[in-house]
Amino acid sequence: APGAGHAGLPLPERLRLDAGALAALP
């Protein structure tokens, strides 16, 4: 799941984490 500190990360890092999760989900 998104970590508790996700919102505090730099935006580029958050978007890369989002992209990684979306790649794992299908």
PDB file of all heavy atoms in Angstrom:
ATOM      1  N   ALA A   1       0.840  -1.193   0.000  1.00  0.00           N
ATOM      2  CA  ALA A   1       0.000   0.000   0.000  1.00  0.00           C
ATOM      3  C   ALA A   1       0.879   1.248   0.000  1.00  0.00           C
ATOM      4  O   ALA A   1       2.056   1.196   0.384  1.00  0.00           O
ATOM      5  CB  ALA A   1      -0.906   0.000   1.229  1.00  0.00           C
ATOM      6  N   PRO A   2       0.333   2.383  -0.437  1.00  0.00           N
ATOM      7  CA  PRO A   2       1.104   3.629  -0.327  1.00  0.00           C
ATOM      8  C   PRO A   2       1.536   3.849   1.116  1.00  0.00           C
ATOM      9  O   PRO A   2       0.743   3.701   2.043  1.00  0.00           O
ATOM     10  CB  PRO A   2       0.098   4.696  -0.791  1.00  0.00           C
ATOM     11  CG  PRO A   2      -0.883   3.964  -1.652  1.00  0.00           C
ATOM     12  CD  PRO A   2      -0.988   2.595  -1.046  1.00  0.00           C
ATOM     13  N   GLY A   3       2.788   4.180   1.318  1.00  0.00           N
ATOM     14  CA  GLY A   3       3.312   4.363   2.663  1.00  0.00           C
ATOM     15  C   GLY A   3       2.735   5.583   3.346  1.00  0.00           C
ATOM     16  O   GLY A   3       2.243   6.522   2.692  1.00  0.00           O
ATOM     17  N   ALA A   4       2.809   5.579   4.687  1.00  0.00           N
ATOM     18  CA  ALA A   4       2.275   6.704   5.455  1.00  0.00           C
ATOM     19  C   ALA A   4       2.978   8.009   5.097  1.00  0.00           C
ATOM     20  O   ALA A   4       2.379   9.086   5.177  1.00  0.00           O
ATOM     21  CB  ALA A   4       2.416   6.420   6.948  1.00  0.00           C
ATOM     22  N   GLY A   5       4.239   7.914   4.689  1.00  0.00           N
ATOM     23  CA  GLY A   5       4.981   9.119   4.340  1.00  0.00           C
ATOM     24  C   GLY A   5       4.960   9.465   2.867  1.00  0.00           C
ATOM     25  O   GLY A   5       5.706  10.353   2.427  1.00  0.00           O
ATOM     26  N   HIS A   6       4.097   8.799   2.098  1.00  0.00           N
ATOM     27  CA  HIS A   6       4.078   9.009   0.641  1.00  0.00           C
ATOM     28  C   HIS A   6       3.858  10.478   0.293  1.00  0.00           C
ATOM     29  O   HIS A   6       4.564  11.036  -0.551  1.00  0.00           O
ATOM     30  CB  HIS A   6       2.970   8.147   0.009  1.00  0.00           C
ATOM     31  CG  HIS A   6       2.909   8.247  -1.486  1.00  0.00           C
ATOM     32  ND1 HIS A   6       3.525   7.353  -2.324  1.00  0.00           N
ATOM     33  CD2 HIS A   6       2.286   9.144  -2.302  1.00  0.00           C
ATOM     34  CE1 HIS A   6       3.302   7.688  -3.586  1.00  0.00           C
ATOM     35  NE2 HIS A   6       2.554   8.765  -3.596  1.00  0.00           N
ATOM     36  N   ALA A   7       2.888  11.101   0.943  1.00  0.00           N
ATOM     37  CA  ALA A   7       2.545  12.483   0.600  1.00  0.00           C
ATOM     38  C   ALA A   7       3.677  13.459   0.887  1.00  0.00           C
ATOM     39  O   ALA A   7       3.719  14.552   0.310  1.00  0.00           O
ATOM     40  CB  ALA A   7       1.291  12.917   1.359  1.00  0.00           C
ATOM     41  N   GLY A   8       4.622  13.078   1.754  1.00  0.00           N
ATOM     42  CA  GLY A   8       5.725  13.955   2.084  1.00  0.00           C
ATOM     43  C   GLY A   8       6.931  13.807   1.179  1.00  0.00           C
ATOM     44  O   GLY A   8       7.894  14.574   1.302  1.00  0.00           O
ATOM     45  N   LEU A   9       6.890  12.844   0.262  1.00  0.00           N
ATOM     46  CA  LEU A   9       8.002  12.642  -0.655  1.00  0.00           C
ATOM     47  C   LEU A   9       7.997  13.699  -1.752  1.00  0.00           C
ATOM     48  O   LEU A   9       6.948  14.278  -2.056  1.00  0.00           O
ATOM     49  CB  LEU A   9       7.912  11.249  -1.282  1.00  0.00           C
ATOM     50  CG  LEU A   9       8.044  10.050  -0.349  1.00  0.00           C
ATOM     51  CD1 LEU A   9       7.728   8.756  -1.101  1.00  0.00           C
ATOM     52  CD2 LEU A   9       9.436   9.992   0.268  1.00  0.00           C
ATOM     53  N   PRO A  10       9.138  13.942  -2.396  1.00  0.00           N
ATOM     54  CA  PRO A  10       9.146  14.839  -3.554  1.00  0.00           C
ATOM     55  C   PRO A  10       8.199  14.324  -4.631  1.00  0.00           C
ATOM     56  O   PRO A  10       8.072  13.109  -4.824  1.00  0.00           O
ATOM     57  CB  PRO A  10      10.608  14.805  -4.016  1.00  0.00           C
ATOM     58  CG  PRO A  10      11.386  14.372  -2.815  1.00  0.00           C
ATOM     59  CD  PRO A  10      10.486  13.437  -2.061  1.00  0.00           C
ATOM     60  N   LEU A  11       7.560  15.224  -5.329  1.00  0.00           N
ATOM     61  CA  LEU A  11       6.557  14.827  -6.312  1.00  0.00           C
ATOM     62  C   LEU A  11       7.091  13.864  -7.375  1.00  0.00           C
ATOM     63  O   LEU A  11       6.414  12.880  -7.700  1.00  0.00           O
ATOM     64  CB  LEU A  11       5.941  16.063  -6.963  1.00  0.00           C
ATOM     65  CG  LEU A  11       4.796  15.805  -7.947  1.00  0.00           C
ATOM     66  CD1 LEU A  11       3.667  15.019  -7.290  1.00  0.00           C
ATOM     67  CD2 LEU A  11       4.277  17.116  -8.517  1.00  0.00           C
ATOM     68  N   PRO A  12       8.286  14.083  -7.952  1.00  0.00           N
ATOM     69  CA  PRO A  12       8.778  13.107  -8.942  1.00  0.00           C
ATOM     70  C   PRO A  12       8.875  11.699  -8.381  1.00  0.00           C
ATOM     71  O   PRO A  12       8.545  10.730  -9.058  1.00  0.00           O
ATOM     72  CB  PRO A  12      10.157  13.668  -9.318  1.00  0.00           C
ATOM     73  CG  PRO A  12      10.093  15.111  -9.004  1.00  0.00           C
ATOM     74  CD  PRO A  12       9.207  15.223  -7.802  1.00  0.00           C
ATOM     75  N   GLU A  13       9.336  11.588  -7.129  1.00  0.00           N
ATOM     76  CA  GLU A  13       9.456  10.254  -6.521  1.00  0.00           C
ATOM     77  C   GLU A  13       8.080   9.633  -6.323  1.00  0.00           C
ATOM     78  O   GLU A  13       7.891   8.426  -6.534  1.00  0.00           O
ATOM     79  CB  GLU A  13      10.189  10.345  -5.196  1.00  0.00           C
ATOM     80  CG  GLU A  13      10.473   8.988  -4.562  1.00  0.00           C
ATOM     81  CD  GLU A  13      11.334   9.078  -3.319  1.00  0.00           C
ATOM     82  OE1 GLU A  13      11.889  10.156  -3.055  1.00  0.00           O
ATOM     83  OE2 GLU A  13      11.437   8.054  -2.617  1.00  0.00           O
ATOM     84  N   ARG A  14       7.108  10.435  -5.892  1.00  0.00           N
ATOM     85  CA  ARG A  14       5.751   9.912  -5.718  1.00  0.00           C
ATOM     86  C   ARG A  14       5.194   9.398  -7.037  1.00  0.00           C
ATOM     87  O   ARG A  14       4.586   8.316  -7.094  1.00  0.00           O
ATOM     88  CB  ARG A  14       4.840  11.004  -5.165  1.00  0.00           C
ATOM     89  CG  ARG A  14       4.916  11.175  -3.666  1.00  0.00           C
ATOM     90  CD  ARG A  14       3.926  12.208  -3.195  1.00  0.00           C
ATOM     91  NE  ARG A  14       4.469  13.551  -3.302  1.00  0.00           N
ATOM     92  CZ  ARG A  14       3.752  14.645  -3.482  1.00  0.00           C
ATOM     93  NH1 ARG A  14       2.450  14.565  -3.628  1.00  0.00           N
ATOM     94  NH2 ARG A  14       4.322  15.823  -3.540  1.00  0.00           N
ATOM     95  N   LEU A  15       5.397  10.149  -8.103  1.00  0.00           N
ATOM     96  CA  LEU A  15       4.862   9.737  -9.396  1.00  0.00           C
ATOM     97  C   LEU A  15       5.545   8.470  -9.903  1.00  0.00           C
ATOM     98  O   LEU A  15       4.908   7.613 -10.521  1.00  0.00           O
ATOM     99  CB  LEU A  15       5.008  10.870 -10.411  1.00  0.00           C
ATOM    100  CG  LEU A  15       4.119  12.089 -10.160  1.00  0.00           C
ATOM    101  CD1 LEU A  15       4.478  13.219 -11.122  1.00  0.00           C
ATOM    102  CD2 LEU A  15       2.638  11.736 -10.299  1.00  0.00           C
ATOM    103  N   ARG A  16       6.842   8.320  -9.617  1.00  0.00           N
ATOM    104  CA  ARG A  16       7.518   7.079 -10.011  1.00  0.00           C
ATOM    105  C   ARG A  16       6.999   5.890  -9.216  1.00  0.00           C
ATOM    106  O   ARG A  16       6.836   4.790  -9.753  1.00  0.00           O
ATOM    107  CB  ARG A  16       9.042   7.227  -9.840  1.00  0.00           C
ATOM    108  CG  ARG A  16       9.702   8.024 -10.957  1.00  0.00           C
ATOM    109  CD  ARG A  16      11.223   7.887 -10.907  1.00  0.00           C
ATOM    110  NE  ARG A  16      11.775   8.575  -9.762  1.00  0.00           N
ATOM    111  CZ  ARG A  16      12.192   9.839  -9.774  1.00  0.00           C
ATOM    112  NH1 ARG A  16      12.086  10.552 -10.885  1.00  0.00           N
ATOM    113  NH2 ARG A  16      12.708  10.390  -8.695  1.00  0.00           N
ATOM    114  N   LEU A  17       6.709   6.108  -7.926  1.00  0.00           N
ATOM    115  CA  LEU A  17       6.104   5.038  -7.129  1.00  0.00           C
ATOM    116  C   LEU A  17       4.718   4.688  -7.651  1.00  0.00           C
ATOM    117  O   LEU A  17       4.341   3.507  -7.714  1.00  0.00           O
ATOM    118  CB  LEU A  17       6.028   5.464  -5.665  1.00  0.00           C
ATOM    119  CG  LEU A  17       7.353   5.521  -4.900  1.00  0.00           C
ATOM    120  CD1 LEU A  17       7.145   6.167  -3.530  1.00  0.00           C
ATOM    121  CD2 LEU A  17       7.954   4.133  -4.747  1.00  0.00           C
ATOM    122  N   ASP A  18       3.950   5.696  -8.026  1.00  0.00           N
ATOM    123  CA  ASP A  18       2.622   5.457  -8.605  1.00  0.00           C
ATOM    124  C   ASP A  18       2.743   4.618  -9.870  1.00  0.00           C
ATOM    125  O   ASP A  18       1.991   3.650 -10.068  1.00  0.00           O
ATOM    126  CB  ASP A  18       1.934   6.788  -8.947  1.00  0.00           C
ATOM    127  CG  ASP A  18       1.638   7.644  -7.720  1.00  0.00           C
ATOM    128  OD1 ASP A  18       1.547   7.092  -6.609  1.00  0.00           O
ATOM    129  OD2 ASP A  18       1.488   8.866  -7.884  1.00  0.00           O
ATOM    130  N   ALA A  19       3.686   4.993 -10.725  1.00  0.00           N
ATOM    131  CA  ALA A  19       3.864   4.262 -11.989  1.00  0.00           C
ATOM    132  C   ALA A  19       4.280   2.818 -11.731  1.00  0.00           C
ATOM    133  O   ALA A  19       3.813   1.894 -12.410  1.00  0.00           O
ATOM    134  CB  ALA A  19       4.903   4.974 -12.858  1.00  0.00           C
ATOM    135  N   GLY A  20       5.153   2.610 -10.744  1.00  0.00           N
ATOM    136  CA  GLY A  20       5.558   1.245 -10.423  1.00  0.00           C
ATOM    137  C   GLY A  20       4.401   0.397  -9.930  1.00  0.00           C
ATOM    138  O   GLY A  20       4.269  -0.775 -10.294  1.00  0.00           O
ATOM    139  N   ALA A  21       3.550   0.993  -9.087  1.00  0.00           N
ATOM    140  CA  ALA A  21       2.384   0.260  -8.587  1.00  0.00           C
ATOM    141  C   ALA A  21       1.416  -0.065  -9.715  1.00  0.00           C
ATOM    142  O   ALA A  21       0.876  -1.178  -9.795  1.00  0.00           O
ATOM    143  CB  ALA A  21       1.682   1.078  -7.504  1.00  0.00           C
ATOM    144  N   LEU A  22       1.198   0.880 -10.605  1.00  0.00           N
ATOM    145  CA  LEU A  22       0.281   0.646 -11.721  1.00  0.00           C
ATOM    146  C   LEU A  22       0.813  -0.444 -12.652  1.00  0.00           C
ATOM    147  O   LEU A  22       0.032  -1.183 -13.259  1.00  0.00           O
ATOM    148  CB  LEU A  22       0.054   1.948 -12.489  1.00  0.00           C
ATOM    149  CG  LEU A  22      -0.759   3.008 -11.741  1.00  0.00           C
ATOM    150  CD1 LEU A  22      -0.676   4.353 -12.450  1.00  0.00           C
ATOM    151  CD2 LEU A  22      -2.216   2.578 -11.596  1.00  0.00           C
ATOM    152  N   ALA A  23       2.135  -0.559 -12.758  1.00  0.00           N
ATOM    153  CA  ALA A  23       2.714  -1.629 -13.572  1.00  0.00           C
ATOM    154  C   ALA A  23       2.531  -2.992 -12.919  1.00  0.00           C
ATOM    155  O   ALA A  23       2.399  -4.012 -13.616  1.00  0.00           O
ATOM    156  CB  ALA A  23       4.199  -1.351 -13.807  1.00  0.00           C
ATOM    157  N   ALA A  24       2.509  -3.026 -11.586  1.00  0.00           N
ATOM    158  CA  ALA A  24       2.368  -4.290 -10.870  1.00  0.00           C
ATOM    159  C   ALA A  24       0.922  -4.765 -10.794  1.00  0.00           C
ATOM    160  O   ALA A  24       0.669  -5.963 -10.622  1.00  0.00           O
ATOM    161  CB  ALA A  24       2.937  -4.151  -9.455  1.00  0.00           C
ATOM    162  N   LEU A  25      -0.022  -3.850 -10.900  1.00  0.00           N
ATOM    163  CA  LEU A  25      -1.430  -4.200 -10.650  1.00  0.00           C
ATOM    164  C   LEU A  25      -2.080  -5.080 -11.724  1.00  0.00           C
ATOM    165  O   LEU A  25      -2.842  -5.997 -11.360  1.00  0.00           O
ATOM    166  CB  LEU A  25      -2.254  -2.924 -10.463  1.00  0.00           C
ATOM    167  CG  LEU A  25      -2.211  -2.341  -9.051  1.00  0.00           C
ATOM    168  CD1 LEU A  25      -2.675  -0.887  -9.043  1.00  0.00           C
ATOM    169  CD2 LEU A  25      -3.058  -3.181  -8.108  1.00  0.00           C
ATOM    170  N   PRO A  26      -1.864  -4.866 -13.029  1.00  0.00           N
ATOM    171  CA  PRO A  26      -2.591  -5.682 -14.008  1.00  0.00           C
ATOM    172  C   PRO A  26      -2.435  -7.183 -13.852  1.00  0.00           C
ATOM    173  O   PRO A  26      -3.445  -7.909 -13.842  1.00  0.00           O
ATOM    174  CB  PRO A  26      -2.055  -5.161 -15.354  1.00  0.00           C
ATOM    175  CG  PRO A  26      -1.686  -3.739 -15.071  1.00  0.00           C
ATOM    176  CD  PRO A  26      -1.123  -3.771 -13.684  1.00  0.00           C
TER     177      PRO A  26
END
